[in-house]
Amino acid sequence: MKTKKFDCVEMKHKGARKVYAATRGMTVDEEVMYWRQRTNEARRWLAEGIGGKPKCGSAVNL
């Protein structure tokens, strides 16, 4: 029997907490800008084939 090395639900919750912390207190327009920047960062990351992971919230300088 395999032993799970991670908990998918906890990983999802951890990501949601990071997004909440990054967007807490933002206006709707600021949040839209946040998601556009994060999407562009993710697209660049995927296009470059970077083996690491993108930094959560690294594109936001509000």
N, C-alpha and C. Protein backbone atom coordinates (compact mmCIF):
# COMPACT_ATOMS: atom_id res chain seq x y z
N MET A 1 0.83 -1.18 0.00
CA MET A 1 0.00 0.00 0.00
C MET A 1 0.88 1.25 0.00
N LYS A 2 0.52 2.21 -0.84
CA LYS A 2 1.30 3.44 -0.94
C LYS A 2 0.93 4.41 0.18
N THR A 3 1.92 5.15 0.61
CA THR A 3 1.70 6.19 1.60
C THR A 3 1.66 7.53 0.89
N LYS A 4 0.59 8.29 1.10
CA LYS A 4 0.48 9.61 0.48
C LYS A 4 1.52 10.53 1.07
N LYS A 5 2.20 11.27 0.18
CA LYS A 5 3.21 12.22 0.65
C LYS A 5 2.64 13.62 0.79
N PHE A 6 1.43 13.84 0.30
CA PHE A 6 0.82 15.16 0.42
C PHE A 6 -0.70 15.02 0.43
N ASP A 7 -1.36 16.05 0.89
CA ASP A 7 -2.81 16.08 0.98
C ASP A 7 -3.33 17.09 -0.05
N CYS A 8 -4.01 16.62 -1.07
CA CYS A 8 -4.49 17.49 -2.15
C CYS A 8 -5.42 18.58 -1.64
N VAL A 9 -6.31 18.24 -0.74
CA VAL A 9 -7.26 19.23 -0.22
C VAL A 9 -6.52 20.29 0.58
N GLU A 10 -5.57 19.89 1.40
CA GLU A 10 -4.79 20.87 2.16
C GLU A 10 -3.97 21.75 1.23
N MET A 11 -3.44 21.17 0.16
CA MET A 11 -2.68 21.96 -0.81
C MET A 11 -3.58 23.02 -1.46
N LYS A 12 -4.81 22.66 -1.78
CA LYS A 12 -5.78 23.60 -2.35
C LYS A 12 -6.11 24.70 -1.36
N HIS A 13 -6.33 24.32 -0.11
CA HIS A 13 -6.65 25.31 0.93
C HIS A 13 -5.49 26.27 1.16
N LYS A 14 -4.27 25.75 1.13
CA LYS A 14 -3.09 26.60 1.32
C LYS A 14 -2.99 27.63 0.19
N GLY A 15 -3.23 27.20 -1.04
CA GLY A 15 -3.22 28.13 -2.17
C GLY A 15 -4.30 29.17 -2.05
N ALA A 16 -5.48 28.75 -1.61
CA ALA A 16 -6.60 29.69 -1.44
C ALA A 16 -6.28 30.73 -0.37
N ARG A 17 -5.61 30.29 0.71
CA ARG A 17 -5.23 31.24 1.76
C ARG A 17 -4.22 32.27 1.25
N LYS A 18 -3.29 31.84 0.40
CA LYS A 18 -2.31 32.77 -0.17
C LYS A 18 -2.99 33.79 -1.08
N VAL A 19 -3.93 33.33 -1.90
CA VAL A 19 -4.65 34.26 -2.78
C VAL A 19 -5.48 35.23 -1.95
N TYR A 20 -6.14 34.73 -0.93
CA TYR A 20 -6.95 35.60 -0.08
C TYR A 20 -6.07 36.67 0.58
N ALA A 21 -4.92 36.27 1.08
CA ALA A 21 -4.02 37.23 1.73
C ALA A 21 -3.52 38.28 0.73
N ALA A 22 -3.28 37.86 -0.50
CA ALA A 22 -2.77 38.79 -1.52
C ALA A 22 -3.85 39.74 -2.01
N THR A 23 -5.11 39.30 -2.00
CA THR A 23 -6.19 40.12 -2.57
C THR A 23 -7.08 40.78 -1.52
N ARG A 24 -6.86 40.47 -0.26
CA ARG A 24 -7.68 41.04 0.81
C ARG A 24 -7.60 42.56 0.77
N GLY A 25 -8.73 43.21 0.79
CA GLY A 25 -8.79 44.67 0.81
C GLY A 25 -8.68 45.33 -0.56
N MET A 26 -8.52 44.53 -1.62
CA MET A 26 -8.43 45.11 -2.96
C MET A 26 -9.81 45.50 -3.47
N THR A 27 -9.82 46.52 -4.32
CA THR A 27 -11.05 46.85 -5.02
C THR A 27 -11.24 45.82 -6.12
N VAL A 28 -12.41 45.83 -6.74
CA VAL A 28 -12.67 44.90 -7.84
C VAL A 28 -11.66 45.13 -8.97
N ASP A 29 -11.40 46.40 -9.30
CA ASP A 29 -10.45 46.71 -10.37
C ASP A 29 -9.04 46.22 -10.02
N GLU A 30 -8.63 46.38 -8.78
CA GLU A 30 -7.31 45.90 -8.35
C GLU A 30 -7.23 44.38 -8.42
N GLU A 31 -8.33 43.72 -8.05
CA GLU A 31 -8.34 42.26 -8.10
C GLU A 31 -8.28 41.77 -9.55
N VAL A 32 -8.98 42.44 -10.45
CA VAL A 32 -8.92 42.08 -11.87
C VAL A 32 -7.48 42.24 -12.37
N MET A 33 -6.82 43.34 -11.99
CA MET A 33 -5.44 43.56 -12.38
C MET A 33 -4.53 42.46 -11.81
N TYR A 34 -4.76 42.08 -10.57
CA TYR A 34 -3.99 41.00 -9.93
C TYR A 34 -4.09 39.73 -10.77
N TRP A 35 -5.33 39.34 -11.14
CA TRP A 35 -5.51 38.09 -11.88
C TRP A 35 -4.94 38.18 -13.29
N ARG A 36 -5.00 39.33 -13.91
CA ARG A 36 -4.39 39.49 -15.24
C ARG A 36 -2.88 39.33 -15.14
N GLN A 37 -2.28 39.93 -14.14
CA GLN A 37 -0.83 39.82 -13.95
C GLN A 37 -0.43 38.39 -13.64
N ARG A 38 -1.17 37.74 -12.76
CA ARG A 38 -0.86 36.34 -12.41
C ARG A 38 -1.02 35.43 -13.62
N THR A 39 -2.05 35.68 -14.45
CA THR A 39 -2.25 34.87 -15.66
C THR A 39 -1.08 35.05 -16.61
N ASN A 40 -0.66 36.30 -16.81
CA ASN A 40 0.48 36.56 -17.70
C ASN A 40 1.75 35.91 -17.17
N GLU A 41 1.94 35.97 -15.87
CA GLU A 41 3.11 35.33 -15.26
C GLU A 41 3.07 33.81 -15.47
N ALA A 42 1.91 33.21 -15.29
CA ALA A 42 1.78 31.77 -15.47
C ALA A 42 2.00 31.38 -16.93
N ARG A 43 1.50 32.17 -17.86
CA ARG A 43 1.71 31.89 -19.28
C ARG A 43 3.19 31.97 -19.64
N ARG A 44 3.89 32.99 -19.11
CA ARG A 44 5.33 33.11 -19.35
C ARG A 44 6.07 31.92 -18.77
N TRP A 45 5.69 31.56 -17.56
CA TRP A 45 6.31 30.44 -16.86
C TRP A 45 6.15 29.15 -17.66
N LEU A 46 4.96 28.90 -18.18
CA LEU A 46 4.70 27.70 -18.96
C LEU A 46 5.42 27.74 -20.30
N ALA A 47 5.42 28.90 -20.97
CA ALA A 47 6.06 29.03 -22.28
C ALA A 47 7.57 28.82 -22.18
N GLU A 48 8.17 29.26 -21.08
CA GLU A 48 9.61 29.11 -20.89
C GLU A 48 9.99 27.72 -20.40
N GLY A 49 9.00 26.95 -19.99
CA GLY A 49 9.26 25.61 -19.50
C GLY A 49 10.07 25.59 -18.22
N ILE A 50 9.85 26.58 -17.40
CA ILE A 50 10.58 26.68 -16.14
C ILE A 50 10.21 25.50 -15.24
N GLY A 51 11.22 24.86 -14.67
CA GLY A 51 10.97 23.69 -13.84
C GLY A 51 10.51 24.01 -12.44
N GLY A 52 10.74 25.22 -11.99
CA GLY A 52 10.32 25.60 -10.64
C GLY A 52 8.87 26.00 -10.62
N LYS A 53 8.48 26.66 -9.56
CA LYS A 53 7.10 27.12 -9.47
C LYS A 53 7.09 28.64 -9.40
N PRO A 54 6.05 29.27 -9.94
CA PRO A 54 5.97 30.73 -9.86
C PRO A 54 5.72 31.16 -8.42
N LYS A 55 6.20 32.35 -8.08
CA LYS A 55 5.97 32.87 -6.74
C LYS A 55 4.56 33.41 -6.65
N CYS A 56 3.83 32.99 -5.67
CA CYS A 56 2.46 33.46 -5.48
C CYS A 56 2.48 34.94 -5.14
N GLY A 57 1.79 35.73 -5.95
CA GLY A 57 1.68 37.15 -5.69
C GLY A 57 2.88 37.96 -6.12
N SER A 58 3.84 37.33 -6.81
CA SER A 58 5.06 38.05 -7.16
C SER A 58 4.83 39.13 -8.20
N ALA A 59 3.74 39.05 -8.95
CA ALA A 59 3.48 40.04 -10.00
C ALA A 59 2.75 41.26 -9.47
N VAL A 60 2.35 41.23 -8.22
CA VAL A 60 1.56 42.33 -7.67
C VAL A 60 2.45 43.30 -6.92
N ASN A 61 2.39 44.55 -7.30
CA ASN A 61 3.14 45.60 -6.62
C ASN A 61 2.20 46.73 -6.26
N LEU A 62 1.17 46.45 -5.49
CA LEU A 62 0.19 47.47 -5.13
C LEU A 62 0.53 48.09 -3.81
